[in-house]
Amino acid sequence: MIITAIVLATAAAFCLALGTHFQHHAVAVMAPGLRRRATWVTGLGLMGLVTVLNVIALGLGPVSIVQPIGAVSLVFAALIGRRFFGLRLGAPLLISIAVTLFGVFSFVTTSARHSHDIVSTDQSVTWLLAVLIALSVFAGLFSMSSAGHIPRVVMTGIVFGTVAAATHVLARSVVVAGLPGLDAWGARWWLLLAAVGAASAAGFWLVQTAYACGPAETVLAGLTVIDPIVAVIIGAAFFGEYAGLTPLAVAGLLVSAGIGVGGVWMLSRFHPKVLDSPGPAREAVPARTHPSSPAAPAHQGAQS
């Protein structure tokens, strides 16, 4: 089952890279019109496929293995950007991607050695539900704030990491006990499912605002580094998925997480589009847009 989960997660990583580029290009570069909307909707469809593939993968394998595989999307994104969007694969960009991947996969190697099956209790599910609701509200407010590109990316990673942890709990409960086993959860199962949907929607809107004021690769890096770190923390804190972590393992996880975050910072500073942009454009904030349409290309000049 783990091999199948890895294959599905890798396919999801490719769809994530492609969908991210489509949506980023539509939001930050293209002029309003039918072509822009079609490009954005295509990206949305790919993101929907990513969700389906990840849900199945999270039901078959540990979150510590499935989620970090998304970091491979950085490689796919660089190749797609070079082939279709003229991205220059210079040394700074390649080194940034390499550092990010090293941090993520060293994190995975350490966490996977200590992973166990989750233990869901009424208290742990209630706490997770409360966290999801709070994050949904905060992410919605954060998307309308004056925060810059990197804070938006970090917040999006936190939201989707929590969503991944909750999805893993729901999917594992179905795989282990089947649909009849959900009767024991009662209303909590449906409340948790609704909270996952609300948090996903808030995170999706927040990521659109991040596309409008920074490179697609930075958004991907933030998601694929911060997302698994948050998911592992929740799995360890609420569901005993990483019981028995030694001090050495904890230190290894912290160092790996630091390296991964450092890689994201490098991408945010040394990406060709950032280096080619005027100084003020790097900290620009996307304009508010109507909820029914993609974010306005307020920084079209900086991102083209």
C-alpha atoms as a PDB file:
ATOM      1  CA  MET A   1       0.000   0.000   0.000  1.00  0.00           C
ATOM      2  CA  ILE A   2       2.873   2.374   0.765  1.00  0.00           C
ATOM      3  CA  ILE A   3       4.301   1.940  -2.762  1.00  0.00           C
ATOM      4  CA  THR A   4       0.902   2.813  -4.228  1.00  0.00           C
ATOM      5  CA  ALA A   5       0.702   5.840  -1.917  1.00  0.00           C
ATOM      6  CA  ILE A   6       4.141   7.024  -3.104  1.00  0.00           C
ATOM      7  CA  VAL A   7       3.159   6.665  -6.784  1.00  0.00           C
ATOM      8  CA  LEU A   8      -0.081   8.586  -6.217  1.00  0.00           C
ATOM      9  CA  ALA A   9       1.707  11.300  -4.228  1.00  0.00           C
ATOM     10  CA  THR A  10       4.302  11.690  -7.007  1.00  0.00           C
ATOM     11  CA  ALA A  11       1.543  12.044  -9.610  1.00  0.00           C
ATOM     12  CA  ALA A  12      -0.098  14.617  -7.340  1.00  0.00           C
ATOM     13  CA  ALA A  13       3.224  16.509  -7.135  1.00  0.00           C
ATOM     14  CA  PHE A  14       3.351  16.794 -10.929  1.00  0.00           C
ATOM     15  CA  CYS A  15      -0.265  18.001 -11.101  1.00  0.00           C
ATOM     16  CA  LEU A  16       0.484  20.471  -8.296  1.00  0.00           C
ATOM     17  CA  ALA A  17       3.439  21.935 -10.193  1.00  0.00           C
ATOM     18  CA  LEU A  18       1.471  22.239 -13.432  1.00  0.00           C
ATOM     19  CA  GLY A  19      -1.654  23.622 -11.759  1.00  0.00           C
ATOM     20  CA  THR A  20       0.376  26.123  -9.742  1.00  0.00           C
ATOM     21  CA  HIS A  21       2.056  27.456 -12.877  1.00  0.00           C
ATOM     22  CA  PHE A  22      -1.276  27.766 -14.698  1.00  0.00           C
ATOM     23  CA  GLN A  23      -2.918  29.646 -11.835  1.00  0.00           C
ATOM     24  CA  HIS A  24       0.101  31.822 -11.105  1.00  0.00           C
ATOM     25  CA  HIS A  25       0.395  32.748 -14.803  1.00  0.00           C
ATOM     26  CA  ALA A  26      -3.313  33.605 -14.971  1.00  0.00           C
ATOM     27  CA  VAL A  27      -3.296  35.628 -11.744  1.00  0.00           C
ATOM     28  CA  ALA A  28      -0.005  37.507 -12.078  1.00  0.00           C
ATOM     29  CA  VAL A  29       0.626  37.855 -15.823  1.00  0.00           C
ATOM     30  CA  MET A  30      -2.373  37.460 -18.123  1.00  0.00           C
ATOM     31  CA  ALA A  31      -4.759  40.279 -18.978  1.00  0.00           C
ATOM     32  CA  PRO A  32      -8.439  39.829 -18.013  1.00  0.00           C
ATOM     33  CA  GLY A  33     -10.413  37.865 -20.569  1.00  0.00           C
ATOM     34  CA  LEU A  34     -11.607  34.435 -21.636  1.00  0.00           C
ATOM     35  CA  ARG A  35      -8.100  33.023 -22.100  1.00  0.00           C
ATOM     36  CA  ARG A  36      -7.045  34.092 -18.616  1.00  0.00           C
ATOM     37  CA  ARG A  37     -10.154  32.578 -17.061  1.00  0.00           C
ATOM     38  CA  ALA A  38      -9.721  29.324 -19.001  1.00  0.00           C
ATOM     39  CA  THR A  39      -6.088  29.056 -17.865  1.00  0.00           C
ATOM     40  CA  TRP A  40      -7.092  29.661 -14.257  1.00  0.00           C
ATOM     41  CA  VAL A  41      -9.924  27.111 -14.413  1.00  0.00           C
ATOM     42  CA  THR A  42      -7.543  24.527 -15.923  1.00  0.00           C
ATOM     43  CA  GLY A  43      -5.220  25.097 -12.981  1.00  0.00           C
ATOM     44  CA  LEU A  44      -8.188  24.741 -10.638  1.00  0.00           C
ATOM     45  CA  GLY A  45      -9.076  21.392 -12.224  1.00  0.00           C
ATOM     46  CA  LEU A  46      -5.511  20.164 -11.725  1.00  0.00           C
ATOM     47  CA  MET A  47      -5.651  21.254  -8.080  1.00  0.00           C
ATOM     48  CA  GLY A  48      -8.839  19.246  -7.708  1.00  0.00           C
ATOM     49  CA  LEU A  49      -7.028  16.199  -9.100  1.00  0.00           C
ATOM     50  CA  VAL A  50      -4.183  16.833  -6.629  1.00  0.00           C
ATOM     51  CA  THR A  51      -6.719  16.723  -3.797  1.00  0.00           C
ATOM     52  CA  VAL A  52      -8.200  13.407  -4.962  1.00  0.00           C
ATOM     53  CA  LEU A  53      -4.791  11.771  -5.399  1.00  0.00           C
ATOM     54  CA  ASN A  54      -3.566  13.041  -2.018  1.00  0.00           C
ATOM     55  CA  VAL A  55      -6.673  11.872  -0.163  1.00  0.00           C
ATOM     56  CA  ILE A  56      -6.213   8.348  -1.529  1.00  0.00           C
ATOM     57  CA  ALA A  57      -2.469   8.414  -0.796  1.00  0.00           C
ATOM     58  CA  LEU A  58      -3.060   9.649   2.768  1.00  0.00           C
ATOM     59  CA  GLY A  59      -5.449   6.765   3.300  1.00  0.00           C
ATOM     60  CA  LEU A  60      -2.814   4.247   2.184  1.00  0.00           C
ATOM     61  CA  GLY A  61       0.388   5.623   3.757  1.00  0.00           C
ATOM     62  CA  PRO A  62       1.717   7.663   6.709  1.00  0.00           C
ATOM     63  CA  VAL A  63       1.455  11.434   6.410  1.00  0.00           C
ATOM     64  CA  SER A  64       5.206  11.673   7.152  1.00  0.00           C
ATOM     65  CA  ILE A  65       5.901   9.911   3.838  1.00  0.00           C
ATOM     66  CA  VAL A  66       3.040  11.085   1.632  1.00  0.00           C
ATOM     67  CA  GLN A  67       3.099  14.841   2.313  1.00  0.00           C
ATOM     68  CA  PRO A  68       6.826  15.517   1.839  1.00  0.00           C
ATOM     69  CA  ILE A  69       6.792  13.810  -1.566  1.00  0.00           C
ATOM     70  CA  GLY A  70       5.088  17.000  -2.701  1.00  0.00           C
ATOM     71  CA  ALA A  71       8.539  18.603  -2.596  1.00  0.00           C
ATOM     72  CA  VAL A  72       9.270  16.812  -5.894  1.00  0.00           C
ATOM     73  CA  SER A  73       6.861  19.345  -7.407  1.00  0.00           C
ATOM     74  CA  LEU A  74       9.682  21.897  -7.120  1.00  0.00           C
ATOM     75  CA  VAL A  75      11.697  19.919  -9.669  1.00  0.00           C
ATOM     76  CA  PHE A  76       8.664  19.533 -11.915  1.00  0.00           C
ATOM     77  CA  ALA A  77       7.905  23.260 -11.535  1.00  0.00           C
ATOM     78  CA  ALA A  78      11.435  24.264 -12.533  1.00  0.00           C
ATOM     79  CA  LEU A  79      11.293  22.069 -15.643  1.00  0.00           C
ATOM     80  CA  ILE A  80       7.811  23.318 -16.579  1.00  0.00           C
ATOM     81  CA  GLY A  81       8.862  26.923 -15.972  1.00  0.00           C
ATOM     82  CA  ARG A  82      11.934  26.515 -18.166  1.00  0.00           C
ATOM     83  CA  ARG A  83      10.040  24.786 -20.990  1.00  0.00           C
ATOM     84  CA  PHE A  84       6.886  26.898 -21.146  1.00  0.00           C
ATOM     85  CA  PHE A  85       7.520  30.146 -19.233  1.00  0.00           C
ATOM     86  CA  GLY A  86      11.150  30.942 -20.042  1.00  0.00           C
ATOM     87  CA  LEU A  87      12.419  30.456 -16.484  1.00  0.00           C
ATOM     88  CA  ARG A  88      16.209  30.714 -16.214  1.00  0.00           C
ATOM     89  CA  LEU A  89      17.626  27.743 -14.298  1.00  0.00           C
ATOM     90  CA  GLY A  90      20.678  29.546 -12.945  1.00  0.00           C
ATOM     91  CA  ALA A  91      22.884  28.371 -10.082  1.00  0.00           C
ATOM     92  CA  PRO A  92      21.067  30.367  -7.326  1.00  0.00           C
ATOM     93  CA  LEU A  93      17.690  28.847  -8.250  1.00  0.00           C
ATOM     94  CA  LEU A  94      19.060  25.294  -8.551  1.00  0.00           C
ATOM     95  CA  ILE A  95      20.939  25.564  -5.255  1.00  0.00           C
ATOM     96  CA  SER A  96      17.805  26.898  -3.531  1.00  0.00           C
ATOM     97  CA  ILE A  97      15.742  23.970  -4.837  1.00  0.00           C
ATOM     98  CA  ALA A  98      18.460  21.485  -3.831  1.00  0.00           C
ATOM     99  CA  VAL A  99      18.639  22.878  -0.278  1.00  0.00           C
ATOM    100  CA  THR A 100      14.848  22.757   0.032  1.00  0.00           C
ATOM    101  CA  LEU A 101      14.674  19.165  -1.212  1.00  0.00           C
ATOM    102  CA  PHE A 102      17.500  18.081   1.083  1.00  0.00           C
ATOM    103  CA  GLY A 103      15.730  19.560   4.099  1.00  0.00           C
ATOM    104  CA  VAL A 104      12.404  17.952   3.220  1.00  0.00           C
ATOM    105  CA  PHE A 105      13.743  14.485   2.468  1.00  0.00           C
ATOM    106  CA  SER A 106      16.011  14.407   5.530  1.00  0.00           C
ATOM    107  CA  PHE A 107      12.919  15.374   7.545  1.00  0.00           C
ATOM    108  CA  VAL A 108      11.003  12.514   5.934  1.00  0.00           C
ATOM    109  CA  THR A 109      13.780   9.985   6.511  1.00  0.00           C
ATOM    110  CA  THR A 110      13.845  10.787  10.216  1.00  0.00           C
ATOM    111  CA  SER A 111      10.101  10.991  10.802  1.00  0.00           C
ATOM    112  CA  ALA A 112       9.291   7.857   8.787  1.00  0.00           C
ATOM    113  CA  ARG A 113      11.504   5.724  11.060  1.00  0.00           C
ATOM    114  CA  HIS A 114       9.356   6.625  14.059  1.00  0.00           C
ATOM    115  CA  SER A 115       5.863   6.653  12.522  1.00  0.00           C
ATOM    116  CA  HIS A 116       3.062   4.521  13.961  1.00  0.00           C
ATOM    117  CA  ASP A 117      -0.589   4.139  13.119  1.00  0.00           C
ATOM    118  CA  ILE A 118      -2.695   6.977  14.483  1.00  0.00           C
ATOM    119  CA  VAL A 119      -4.817   6.631  17.624  1.00  0.00           C
ATOM    120  CA  SER A 120      -7.958   8.773  17.343  1.00  0.00           C
ATOM    121  CA  THR A 121      -9.801   9.738  20.513  1.00  0.00           C
ATOM    122  CA  ASP A 122     -12.761  12.025  21.146  1.00  0.00           C
ATOM    123  CA  GLN A 123     -10.439  14.588  22.705  1.00  0.00           C
ATOM    124  CA  SER A 124      -7.875  14.545  19.869  1.00  0.00           C
ATOM    125  CA  VAL A 125     -10.556  14.893  17.189  1.00  0.00           C
ATOM    126  CA  THR A 126     -12.194  17.755  19.114  1.00  0.00           C
ATOM    127  CA  TRP A 127      -8.858  19.593  19.400  1.00  0.00           C
ATOM    128  CA  LEU A 128      -8.162  19.122  15.687  1.00  0.00           C
ATOM    129  CA  LEU A 129     -11.646  20.393  14.848  1.00  0.00           C
ATOM    130  CA  ALA A 130     -11.083  23.517  16.959  1.00  0.00           C
ATOM    131  CA  VAL A 131      -7.707  24.182  15.282  1.00  0.00           C
ATOM    132  CA  LEU A 132      -9.228  23.841  11.801  1.00  0.00           C
ATOM    133  CA  ILE A 133     -12.058  26.262  12.583  1.00  0.00           C
ATOM    134  CA  ALA A 134      -9.663  28.816  14.079  1.00  0.00           C
ATOM    135  CA  LEU A 135      -7.305  28.556  11.093  1.00  0.00           C
ATOM    136  CA  SER A 136     -10.182  28.973   8.628  1.00  0.00           C
ATOM    137  CA  VAL A 137     -11.204  32.253  10.238  1.00  0.00           C
ATOM    138  CA  PHE A 138      -7.642  33.507  10.640  1.00  0.00           C
ATOM    139  CA  ALA A 139      -6.661  32.607   7.056  1.00  0.00           C
ATOM    140  CA  GLY A 140      -9.683  34.467   5.719  1.00  0.00           C
ATOM    141  CA  LEU A 141      -8.726  37.584   7.658  1.00  0.00           C
ATOM    142  CA  PHE A 142      -5.039  37.159   6.773  1.00  0.00           C
ATOM    143  CA  SER A 143      -5.828  37.116   3.054  1.00  0.00           C
ATOM    144  CA  MET A 144      -7.273  40.648   3.388  1.00  0.00           C
ATOM    145  CA  SER A 145      -4.335  41.983   5.402  1.00  0.00           C
ATOM    146  CA  SER A 146      -1.285  43.909   4.188  1.00  0.00           C
ATOM    147  CA  ALA A 147       1.032  40.909   4.680  1.00  0.00           C
ATOM    148  CA  GLY A 148       3.700  40.304   2.029  1.00  0.00           C
ATOM    149  CA  HIS A 149       4.379  37.277  -0.129  1.00  0.00           C
ATOM    150  CA  ILE A 150       6.392  35.133   2.307  1.00  0.00           C
ATOM    151  CA  PRO A 151       4.001  35.536   5.294  1.00  0.00           C
ATOM    152  CA  ARG A 152       1.163  34.494   2.989  1.00  0.00           C
ATOM    153  CA  VAL A 153       3.103  31.433   1.840  1.00  0.00           C
ATOM    154  CA  VAL A 154       3.903  30.462   5.449  1.00  0.00           C
ATOM    155  CA  MET A 155       0.282  30.855   6.538  1.00  0.00           C
ATOM    156  CA  THR A 156      -0.917  28.807   3.564  1.00  0.00           C
ATOM    157  CA  GLY A 157       1.522  26.018   4.481  1.00  0.00           C
ATOM    158  CA  ILE A 158       0.206  25.968   8.051  1.00  0.00           C
ATOM    159  CA  VAL A 159      -3.397  25.770   6.858  1.00  0.00           C
ATOM    160  CA  PHE A 160      -2.803  22.998   4.329  1.00  0.00           C
ATOM    161  CA  GLY A 161      -0.555  21.067   6.735  1.00  0.00           C
ATOM    162  CA  THR A 162      -3.426  20.981   9.220  1.00  0.00           C
ATOM    163  CA  VAL A 163      -5.836  20.016   6.444  1.00  0.00           C
ATOM    164  CA  ALA A 164      -3.490  17.163   5.431  1.00  0.00           C
ATOM    165  CA  ALA A 165      -3.355  15.871   9.011  1.00  0.00           C
ATOM    166  CA  ALA A 166      -7.151  15.936   9.289  1.00  0.00           C
ATOM    167  CA  THR A 167      -7.549  14.282   5.877  1.00  0.00           C
ATOM    168  CA  HIS A 168      -5.138  11.555   6.970  1.00  0.00           C
ATOM    169  CA  VAL A 169      -7.240  10.930  10.087  1.00  0.00           C
ATOM    170  CA  LEU A 170     -10.473  10.743   8.071  1.00  0.00           C
ATOM    171  CA  ALA A 171      -8.988   8.585   5.305  1.00  0.00           C
ATOM    172  CA  ARG A 172      -7.323   6.159   7.723  1.00  0.00           C
ATOM    173  CA  SER A 173     -10.579   5.755   9.642  1.00  0.00           C
ATOM    174  CA  VAL A 174     -12.302   4.691   6.414  1.00  0.00           C
ATOM    175  CA  VAL A 175      -9.464   2.377   5.327  1.00  0.00           C
ATOM    176  CA  VAL A 176      -9.169   0.686   8.737  1.00  0.00           C
ATOM    177  CA  ALA A 177     -12.802   0.472   9.844  1.00  0.00           C
ATOM    178  CA  GLY A 178     -14.725   1.041   6.614  1.00  0.00           C
ATOM    179  CA  LEU A 179     -17.725   3.320   6.317  1.00  0.00           C
ATOM    180  CA  PRO A 180     -19.701   1.482   9.054  1.00  0.00           C
ATOM    181  CA  GLY A 181     -16.849   2.226  11.472  1.00  0.00           C
ATOM    182  CA  LEU A 182     -17.622   5.927  11.194  1.00  0.00           C
ATOM    183  CA  ASP A 183     -20.810   5.442  13.207  1.00  0.00           C
ATOM    184  CA  ALA A 184     -18.695   5.497  16.353  1.00  0.00           C
ATOM    185  CA  TRP A 185     -17.593   9.047  15.517  1.00  0.00           C
ATOM    186  CA  GLY A 186     -21.148  10.327  15.236  1.00  0.00           C
ATOM    187  CA  ALA A 187     -21.504  13.984  14.314  1.00  0.00           C
ATOM    188  CA  ARG A 188     -17.807  14.625  14.899  1.00  0.00           C
ATOM    189  CA  TRP A 189     -16.902  12.904  11.605  1.00  0.00           C
ATOM    190  CA  TRP A 190     -19.169  15.228   9.624  1.00  0.00           C
ATOM    191  CA  LEU A 191     -18.053  18.279  11.577  1.00  0.00           C
ATOM    192  CA  LEU A 192     -14.407  17.429  10.902  1.00  0.00           C
ATOM    193  CA  LEU A 193     -15.160  16.886   7.210  1.00  0.00           C
ATOM    194  CA  ALA A 194     -16.924  20.255   7.026  1.00  0.00           C
ATOM    195  CA  ALA A 195     -14.021  21.945   8.831  1.00  0.00           C
ATOM    196  CA  VAL A 196     -11.554  20.422   6.342  1.00  0.00           C
ATOM    197  CA  GLY A 197     -13.642  21.884   3.510  1.00  0.00           C
ATOM    198  CA  ALA A 198     -13.779  25.333   5.128  1.00  0.00           C
ATOM    199  CA  ALA A 199     -10.028  25.384   5.869  1.00  0.00           C
ATOM    200  CA  SER A 200      -9.243  24.198   2.336  1.00  0.00           C
ATOM    201  CA  ALA A 201     -11.353  26.999   0.851  1.00  0.00           C
ATOM    202  CA  ALA A 202      -9.673  29.616   3.068  1.00  0.00           C
ATOM    203  CA  GLY A 203      -6.221  28.260   2.204  1.00  0.00           C
ATOM    204  CA  PHE A 204      -7.073  28.182  -1.489  1.00  0.00           C
ATOM    205  CA  TRP A 205      -8.084  31.828  -1.490  1.00  0.00           C
ATOM    206  CA  LEU A 206      -4.983  32.792   0.488  1.00  0.00           C
ATOM    207  CA  VAL A 207      -2.709  31.011  -1.998  1.00  0.00           C
ATOM    208  CA  GLN A 208      -4.301  32.983  -4.848  1.00  0.00           C
ATOM    209  CA  THR A 209      -3.189  36.197  -3.165  1.00  0.00           C
ATOM    210  CA  ALA A 210       0.310  34.733  -2.768  1.00  0.00           C
ATOM    211  CA  TYR A 211       0.446  33.989  -6.517  1.00  0.00           C
ATOM    212  CA  ALA A 212      -0.279  37.640  -7.242  1.00  0.00           C
ATOM    213  CA  CYS A 213       2.801  38.956  -5.427  1.00  0.00           C
ATOM    214  CA  GLY A 214       5.539  36.338  -5.848  1.00  0.00           C
ATOM    215  CA  PRO A 215       6.941  33.463  -7.928  1.00  0.00           C
ATOM    216  CA  ALA A 216       5.081  30.155  -8.272  1.00  0.00           C
ATOM    217  CA  GLU A 217       8.172  28.220  -7.138  1.00  0.00           C
ATOM    218  CA  THR A 218       8.247  30.081  -3.812  1.00  0.00           C
ATOM    219  CA  VAL A 219       4.601  29.214  -3.180  1.00  0.00           C
ATOM    220  CA  LEU A 220       5.298  25.573  -4.002  1.00  0.00           C
ATOM    221  CA  ALA A 221       8.385  25.507  -1.784  1.00  0.00           C
ATOM    222  CA  GLY A 222       6.487  26.962   1.152  1.00  0.00           C
ATOM    223  CA  LEU A 223       3.671  24.476   0.776  1.00  0.00           C
ATOM    224  CA  THR A 224       5.908  21.441   0.355  1.00  0.00           C
ATOM    225  CA  VAL A 225       8.162  22.348   3.302  1.00  0.00           C
ATOM    226  CA  ILE A 226       5.823  23.890   5.876  1.00  0.00           C
ATOM    227  CA  ASP A 227       2.892  21.599   5.046  1.00  0.00           C
ATOM    228  CA  PRO A 228       4.578  18.287   6.070  1.00  0.00           C
ATOM    229  CA  ILE A 229       6.239  19.863   9.116  1.00  0.00           C
ATOM    230  CA  VAL A 230       2.864  21.032  10.427  1.00  0.00           C
ATOM    231  CA  ALA A 231       1.229  17.684   9.566  1.00  0.00           C
ATOM    232  CA  VAL A 232       3.907  15.756  11.477  1.00  0.00           C
ATOM    233  CA  ILE A 233       3.603  18.082  14.489  1.00  0.00           C
ATOM    234  CA  ILE A 234      -0.173  17.548  14.600  1.00  0.00           C
ATOM    235  CA  GLY A 235       0.199  13.787  14.146  1.00  0.00           C
ATOM    236  CA  ALA A 236       2.684  13.675  17.033  1.00  0.00           C
ATOM    237  CA  ALA A 237       0.810  16.046  19.354  1.00  0.00           C
ATOM    238  CA  PHE A 238      -2.774  14.810  18.893  1.00  0.00           C
ATOM    239  CA  PHE A 239      -2.665  11.247  17.539  1.00  0.00           C
ATOM    240  CA  GLY A 240       0.512   9.589  18.830  1.00  0.00           C
ATOM    241  CA  GLU A 241       1.726   8.940  15.282  1.00  0.00           C
ATOM    242  CA  TYR A 242       5.351   9.586  16.262  1.00  0.00           C
ATOM    243  CA  ALA A 243       5.446   8.257  19.820  1.00  0.00           C
ATOM    244  CA  GLY A 244       8.909   7.265  20.982  1.00  0.00           C
ATOM    245  CA  LEU A 245      10.847  10.041  19.262  1.00  0.00           C
ATOM    246  CA  THR A 246      14.318  10.187  20.809  1.00  0.00           C
ATOM    247  CA  PRO A 247      16.036  13.506  21.611  1.00  0.00           C
ATOM    248  CA  LEU A 248      18.423  12.800  18.727  1.00  0.00           C
ATOM    249  CA  ALA A 249      15.489  12.273  16.343  1.00  0.00           C
ATOM    250  CA  VAL A 250      13.826  15.486  17.533  1.00  0.00           C
ATOM    251  CA  ALA A 251      17.080  17.369  16.970  1.00  0.00           C
ATOM    252  CA  GLY A 252      17.341  15.852  13.490  1.00  0.00           C
ATOM    253  CA  LEU A 253      13.786  16.926  12.674  1.00  0.00           C
ATOM    254  CA  LEU A 254      14.455  20.475  13.860  1.00  0.00           C
ATOM    255  CA  VAL A 255      17.658  20.743  11.834  1.00  0.00           C
ATOM    256  CA  SER A 256      15.965  19.300   8.734  1.00  0.00           C
ATOM    257  CA  ALA A 257      13.026  21.679   9.126  1.00  0.00           C
ATOM    258  CA  GLY A 258      15.447  24.597   9.481  1.00  0.00           C
ATOM    259  CA  ILE A 259      17.276  23.592   6.292  1.00  0.00           C
ATOM    260  CA  GLY A 260      13.998  23.296   4.407  1.00  0.00           C
ATOM    261  CA  VAL A 261      12.786  26.692   5.597  1.00  0.00           C
ATOM    262  CA  GLY A 262      16.178  28.139   4.678  1.00  0.00           C
ATOM    263  CA  GLY A 263      15.716  26.775   1.159  1.00  0.00           C
ATOM    264  CA  VAL A 264      12.344  28.533   0.916  1.00  0.00           C
ATOM    265  CA  TRP A 265      13.969  31.792   2.044  1.00  0.00           C
ATOM    266  CA  MET A 266      16.692  31.363  -0.596  1.00  0.00           C
ATOM    267  CA  LEU A 267      14.036  30.842  -3.275  1.00  0.00           C
ATOM    268  CA  SER A 268      12.231  33.981  -2.144  1.00  0.00           C
ATOM    269  CA  ARG A 269      15.437  36.007  -2.490  1.00  0.00           C
ATOM    270  CA  PHE A 270      17.258  34.464  -5.450  1.00  0.00           C
ATOM    271  CA  HIS A 271      14.448  33.494  -7.829  1.00  0.00           C
ATOM    272  CA  PRO A 272      15.095  35.095 -11.266  1.00  0.00           C
ATOM    273  CA  LYS A 273      11.725  36.863 -11.261  1.00  0.00           C
ATOM    274  CA  VAL A 274      12.443  38.352  -7.846  1.00  0.00           C
ATOM    275  CA  LEU A 275      15.938  39.468  -8.874  1.00  0.00           C
ATOM    276  CA  ASP A 276      14.531  41.082 -12.029  1.00  0.00           C
ATOM    277  CA  SER A 277      11.823  42.961 -10.117  1.00  0.00           C
ATOM    278  CA  PRO A 278      12.172  46.457  -8.653  1.00  0.00           C
ATOM    279  CA  GLY A 279      12.784  46.488  -4.898  1.00  0.00           C
ATOM    280  CA  PRO A 280       9.290  47.643  -3.813  1.00  0.00           C
ATOM    281  CA  ALA A 281       7.634  45.000  -6.001  1.00  0.00           C
ATOM    282  CA  ARG A 282       9.127  42.227  -3.900  1.00  0.00           C
ATOM    283  CA  GLU A 283       7.022  43.204  -0.921  1.00  0.00           C
ATOM    284  CA  ALA A 284       3.929  44.164  -2.916  1.00  0.00           C
ATOM    285  CA  VAL A 285       0.549  43.060  -1.674  1.00  0.00           C
ATOM    286  CA  PRO A 286      -2.136  41.842  -4.066  1.00  0.00           C
ATOM    287  CA  ALA A 287      -5.188  43.990  -4.476  1.00  0.00           C
ATOM    288  CA  ARG A 288      -8.520  42.761  -3.233  1.00  0.00           C
ATOM    289  CA  THR A 289     -10.587  41.135  -5.892  1.00  0.00           C
ATOM    290  CA  HIS A 290     -14.082  39.897  -6.365  1.00  0.00           C
ATOM    291  CA  PRO A 291     -14.436  36.362  -4.879  1.00  0.00           C
ATOM    292  CA  SER A 292     -15.899  34.973  -8.086  1.00  0.00           C
ATOM    293  CA  SER A 293     -12.824  35.673 -10.199  1.00  0.00           C
ATOM    294  CA  PRO A 294      -9.075  35.112 -10.060  1.00  0.00           C
ATOM    295  CA  ALA A 295      -7.011  37.710  -8.245  1.00  0.00           C
ATOM    296  CA  ALA A 296      -6.263  40.775 -10.330  1.00  0.00           C
ATOM    297  CA  PRO A 297      -2.860  40.932 -12.009  1.00  0.00           C
ATOM    298  CA  ALA A 298      -1.844  43.963  -9.970  1.00  0.00           C
ATOM    299  CA  HIS A 299       1.840  43.136 -10.412  1.00  0.00           C
ATOM    300  CA  GLN A 300       1.765  42.193 -14.038  1.00  0.00           C
ATOM    301  CA  GLY A 301       4.854  44.214 -14.838  1.00  0.00           C
ATOM    302  CA  ALA A 302       6.921  42.693 -12.041  1.00  0.00           C
ATOM    303  CA  GLN A 303       5.975  39.116 -12.882  1.00  0.00           C
ATOM    304  CA  SER A 304       6.021  39.109 -16.684  1.00  0.00           C
END
